């Protein structure tokens, strides 16, 4: 465990139990969400690669234009 995480847990331990539970739920939900995103990206790797190739082909064919941030 990292020093920073240990420090965070030490501070959380000082809180009332209900607030500790709030932090615990939040951390668990974040871990679950991160795993979900990892899985979704892993499953869509082929699709993302295909889209990237299409975008590069369109750019090489002159079908794209530079993005002007001042016009956004």
N, C-alpha and C. Protein backbone atom coordinates (compact mmCIF):
# COMPACT_ATOMS: atom_id res chain seq x y z
N UNK A 1 0.85 -1.18 0.00
CA UNK A 1 0.00 0.00 0.00
C UNK A 1 0.89 1.24 0.00
N UNK A 2 0.49 2.21 -0.78
CA UNK A 2 1.30 3.43 -0.86
C UNK A 2 1.18 4.24 0.42
N UNK A 3 2.16 5.09 0.64
CA UNK A 3 2.18 5.95 1.83
C UNK A 3 0.98 6.89 1.82
N UNK A 4 0.67 7.41 0.66
CA UNK A 4 -0.45 8.34 0.55
C UNK A 4 -1.77 7.65 0.89
N UNK A 5 -1.94 6.44 0.40
CA UNK A 5 -3.17 5.70 0.70
C UNK A 5 -3.26 5.37 2.19
N UNK A 6 -2.14 4.99 2.77
CA UNK A 6 -2.11 4.73 4.22
C UNK A 6 -2.52 5.97 4.99
N UNK A 7 -1.99 7.12 4.57
CA UNK A 7 -2.31 8.38 5.24
C UNK A 7 -3.82 8.67 5.13
N UNK A 8 -4.37 8.45 3.94
CA UNK A 8 -5.80 8.68 3.74
C UNK A 8 -6.63 7.77 4.65
N UNK A 9 -6.26 6.49 4.71
CA UNK A 9 -7.00 5.56 5.57
C UNK A 9 -6.87 5.94 7.05
N UNK A 10 -5.72 6.42 7.45
CA UNK A 10 -5.55 6.85 8.85
C UNK A 10 -6.51 8.01 9.17
N UNK A 11 -6.67 8.91 8.23
CA UNK A 11 -7.59 10.03 8.44
C UNK A 11 -9.04 9.55 8.43
N UNK A 12 -9.35 8.63 7.53
CA UNK A 12 -10.71 8.10 7.47
C UNK A 12 -11.07 7.36 8.76
N UNK A 13 -10.10 6.67 9.35
CA UNK A 13 -10.34 5.95 10.61
C UNK A 13 -10.81 6.88 11.73
N UNK A 14 -10.45 8.14 11.64
CA UNK A 14 -10.79 9.11 12.68
C UNK A 14 -12.24 9.60 12.56
N UNK A 15 -12.87 9.32 11.43
CA UNK A 15 -14.23 9.79 11.19
C UNK A 15 -15.26 8.87 11.85
N UNK A 16 -16.46 9.38 12.04
CA UNK A 16 -17.53 8.52 12.54
C UNK A 16 -17.78 7.36 11.55
N UNK A 17 -18.32 6.27 12.07
CA UNK A 17 -18.51 5.07 11.26
C UNK A 17 -19.33 5.34 9.99
N UNK A 18 -20.37 6.15 10.10
CA UNK A 18 -21.21 6.41 8.93
C UNK A 18 -20.40 7.09 7.82
N UNK A 19 -19.51 8.00 8.18
CA UNK A 19 -18.67 8.66 7.18
C UNK A 19 -17.61 7.70 6.63
N UNK A 20 -17.11 6.81 7.48
CA UNK A 20 -16.18 5.79 6.99
C UNK A 20 -16.87 4.92 5.94
N UNK A 21 -18.13 4.56 6.20
CA UNK A 21 -18.89 3.75 5.25
C UNK A 21 -19.12 4.48 3.94
N UNK A 22 -19.33 5.77 4.01
CA UNK A 22 -19.50 6.57 2.78
C UNK A 22 -18.23 6.50 1.94
N UNK A 23 -17.08 6.68 2.59
CA UNK A 23 -15.81 6.59 1.86
C UNK A 23 -15.60 5.18 1.30
N UNK A 24 -15.92 4.19 2.09
CA UNK A 24 -15.73 2.80 1.65
C UNK A 24 -16.58 2.50 0.42
N UNK A 25 -17.84 2.91 0.46
CA UNK A 25 -18.73 2.69 -0.70
C UNK A 25 -18.21 3.42 -1.93
N UNK A 26 -17.76 4.65 -1.74
CA UNK A 26 -17.25 5.45 -2.85
C UNK A 26 -16.03 4.78 -3.48
N UNK A 27 -15.11 4.33 -2.65
CA UNK A 27 -13.91 3.66 -3.16
C UNK A 27 -14.28 2.39 -3.91
N UNK A 28 -15.16 1.58 -3.35
CA UNK A 28 -15.58 0.34 -4.00
C UNK A 28 -16.29 0.62 -5.33
N UNK A 29 -17.12 1.65 -5.36
CA UNK A 29 -17.81 2.01 -6.60
C UNK A 29 -16.83 2.49 -7.66
N UNK A 30 -15.82 3.25 -7.24
CA UNK A 30 -14.80 3.72 -8.18
C UNK A 30 -14.01 2.55 -8.77
N UNK A 31 -13.65 1.61 -7.94
CA UNK A 31 -12.91 0.43 -8.41
C UNK A 31 -13.77 -0.36 -9.39
N UNK A 32 -15.04 -0.53 -9.05
CA UNK A 32 -15.96 -1.26 -9.93
C UNK A 32 -16.09 -0.54 -11.28
N UNK A 33 -16.24 0.77 -11.25
CA UNK A 33 -16.38 1.55 -12.48
C UNK A 33 -15.11 1.46 -13.32
N UNK A 34 -13.96 1.52 -12.69
CA UNK A 34 -12.68 1.43 -13.40
C UNK A 34 -12.55 0.08 -14.09
N UNK A 35 -12.93 -0.98 -13.40
CA UNK A 35 -12.89 -2.31 -14.01
C UNK A 35 -13.82 -2.40 -15.19
N UNK A 36 -15.00 -1.78 -15.07
CA UNK A 36 -15.97 -1.78 -16.16
C UNK A 36 -15.40 -1.08 -17.39
N UNK A 37 -14.78 0.10 -17.18
CA UNK A 37 -14.19 0.84 -18.30
C UNK A 37 -13.06 0.04 -18.94
N UNK A 38 -12.22 -0.58 -18.11
CA UNK A 38 -11.13 -1.40 -18.64
C UNK A 38 -11.68 -2.51 -19.54
N UNK A 39 -12.74 -3.15 -19.08
CA UNK A 39 -13.35 -4.24 -19.85
C UNK A 39 -13.94 -3.71 -21.15
N UNK A 40 -14.66 -2.59 -21.08
CA UNK A 40 -15.26 -2.02 -22.28
C UNK A 40 -14.22 -1.62 -23.31
N UNK A 41 -13.12 -1.00 -22.86
CA UNK A 41 -12.07 -0.62 -23.79
C UNK A 41 -11.38 -1.84 -24.38
N UNK A 42 -11.17 -2.86 -23.59
CA UNK A 42 -10.55 -4.08 -24.09
C UNK A 42 -11.44 -4.73 -25.15
N UNK A 43 -12.74 -4.73 -24.92
CA UNK A 43 -13.68 -5.33 -25.85
C UNK A 43 -13.84 -4.51 -27.13
N UNK A 44 -13.58 -3.21 -27.05
CA UNK A 44 -13.79 -2.35 -28.21
C UNK A 44 -12.48 -2.01 -28.93
N UNK A 45 -11.40 -2.66 -28.56
CA UNK A 45 -10.10 -2.35 -29.14
C UNK A 45 -10.12 -2.46 -30.67
N UNK A 46 -10.74 -3.50 -31.21
CA UNK A 46 -10.80 -3.68 -32.66
C UNK A 46 -11.59 -2.55 -33.32
N UNK A 47 -12.69 -2.17 -32.69
CA UNK A 47 -13.53 -1.10 -33.23
C UNK A 47 -12.76 0.22 -33.23
N UNK A 48 -12.08 0.51 -32.11
CA UNK A 48 -11.32 1.75 -32.03
C UNK A 48 -10.20 1.79 -33.06
N UNK A 49 -9.55 0.66 -33.27
CA UNK A 49 -8.48 0.59 -34.27
C UNK A 49 -9.05 0.86 -35.66
N UNK A 50 -10.20 0.28 -35.96
CA UNK A 50 -10.84 0.48 -37.25
C UNK A 50 -11.20 1.95 -37.45
N UNK A 51 -11.78 2.57 -36.43
CA UNK A 51 -12.15 3.98 -36.53
C UNK A 51 -10.92 4.87 -36.71
N UNK A 52 -9.83 4.53 -36.03
CA UNK A 52 -8.60 5.32 -36.18
C UNK A 52 -8.05 5.20 -37.59
N UNK A 53 -8.07 4.01 -38.15
CA UNK A 53 -7.60 3.81 -39.52
C UNK A 53 -8.46 4.60 -40.51
N UNK A 54 -9.78 4.57 -40.32
CA UNK A 54 -10.68 5.32 -41.19
C UNK A 54 -10.40 6.82 -41.10
N UNK A 55 -10.18 7.31 -39.91
CA UNK A 55 -9.89 8.73 -39.72
C UNK A 55 -8.59 9.12 -40.42
N UNK A 56 -7.57 8.28 -40.30
CA UNK A 56 -6.30 8.57 -40.97
C UNK A 56 -6.45 8.54 -42.49
N UNK A 57 -7.22 7.59 -43.01
CA UNK A 57 -7.46 7.51 -44.44
C UNK A 57 -8.18 8.76 -44.94
N UNK A 58 -9.18 9.21 -44.19
CA UNK A 58 -9.90 10.42 -44.58
C UNK A 58 -8.98 11.63 -44.55
N UNK A 59 -8.10 11.69 -43.58
CA UNK A 59 -7.17 12.80 -43.48
C UNK A 59 -6.20 12.80 -44.67
N UNK A 60 -5.67 11.62 -44.97
CA UNK A 60 -4.74 11.49 -46.10
C UNK A 60 -5.43 11.83 -47.43
N UNK A 61 -6.72 11.56 -47.52
CA UNK A 61 -7.47 11.84 -48.74
C UNK A 61 -7.93 13.29 -48.82
N UNK A 62 -7.56 14.08 -47.84
CA UNK A 62 -7.92 15.50 -47.84
C UNK A 62 -9.37 15.77 -47.46
N UNK A 63 -10.00 14.84 -46.80
CA UNK A 63 -11.41 15.00 -46.42
C UNK A 63 -11.57 15.63 -45.03
N UNK A 64 -10.49 16.06 -44.44
CA UNK A 64 -10.55 16.67 -43.10
C UNK A 64 -10.04 18.10 -43.18
N UNK A 65 -10.36 18.87 -42.16
CA UNK A 65 -9.80 20.22 -42.09
C UNK A 65 -9.32 20.48 -40.67
N UNK A 66 -8.38 21.40 -40.55
CA UNK A 66 -7.82 21.72 -39.25
C UNK A 66 -8.88 22.32 -38.33
N UNK A 67 -8.80 22.00 -37.09
CA UNK A 67 -9.74 22.52 -36.11
C UNK A 67 -9.28 23.90 -35.67
N UNK A 68 -10.15 24.86 -35.79
CA UNK A 68 -9.86 26.23 -35.38
C UNK A 68 -10.49 26.45 -34.00
N UNK A 69 -9.66 26.45 -32.98
CA UNK A 69 -10.16 26.56 -31.60
C UNK A 69 -10.86 27.90 -31.36
N UNK A 70 -10.52 28.91 -32.13
CA UNK A 70 -11.17 30.20 -31.95
C UNK A 70 -12.60 30.20 -32.44
N UNK A 71 -12.96 29.22 -33.26
CA UNK A 71 -14.32 29.14 -33.80
C UNK A 71 -15.21 28.17 -33.04
N UNK A 72 -14.70 27.59 -31.97
CA UNK A 72 -15.50 26.64 -31.18
C UNK A 72 -16.50 27.35 -30.30
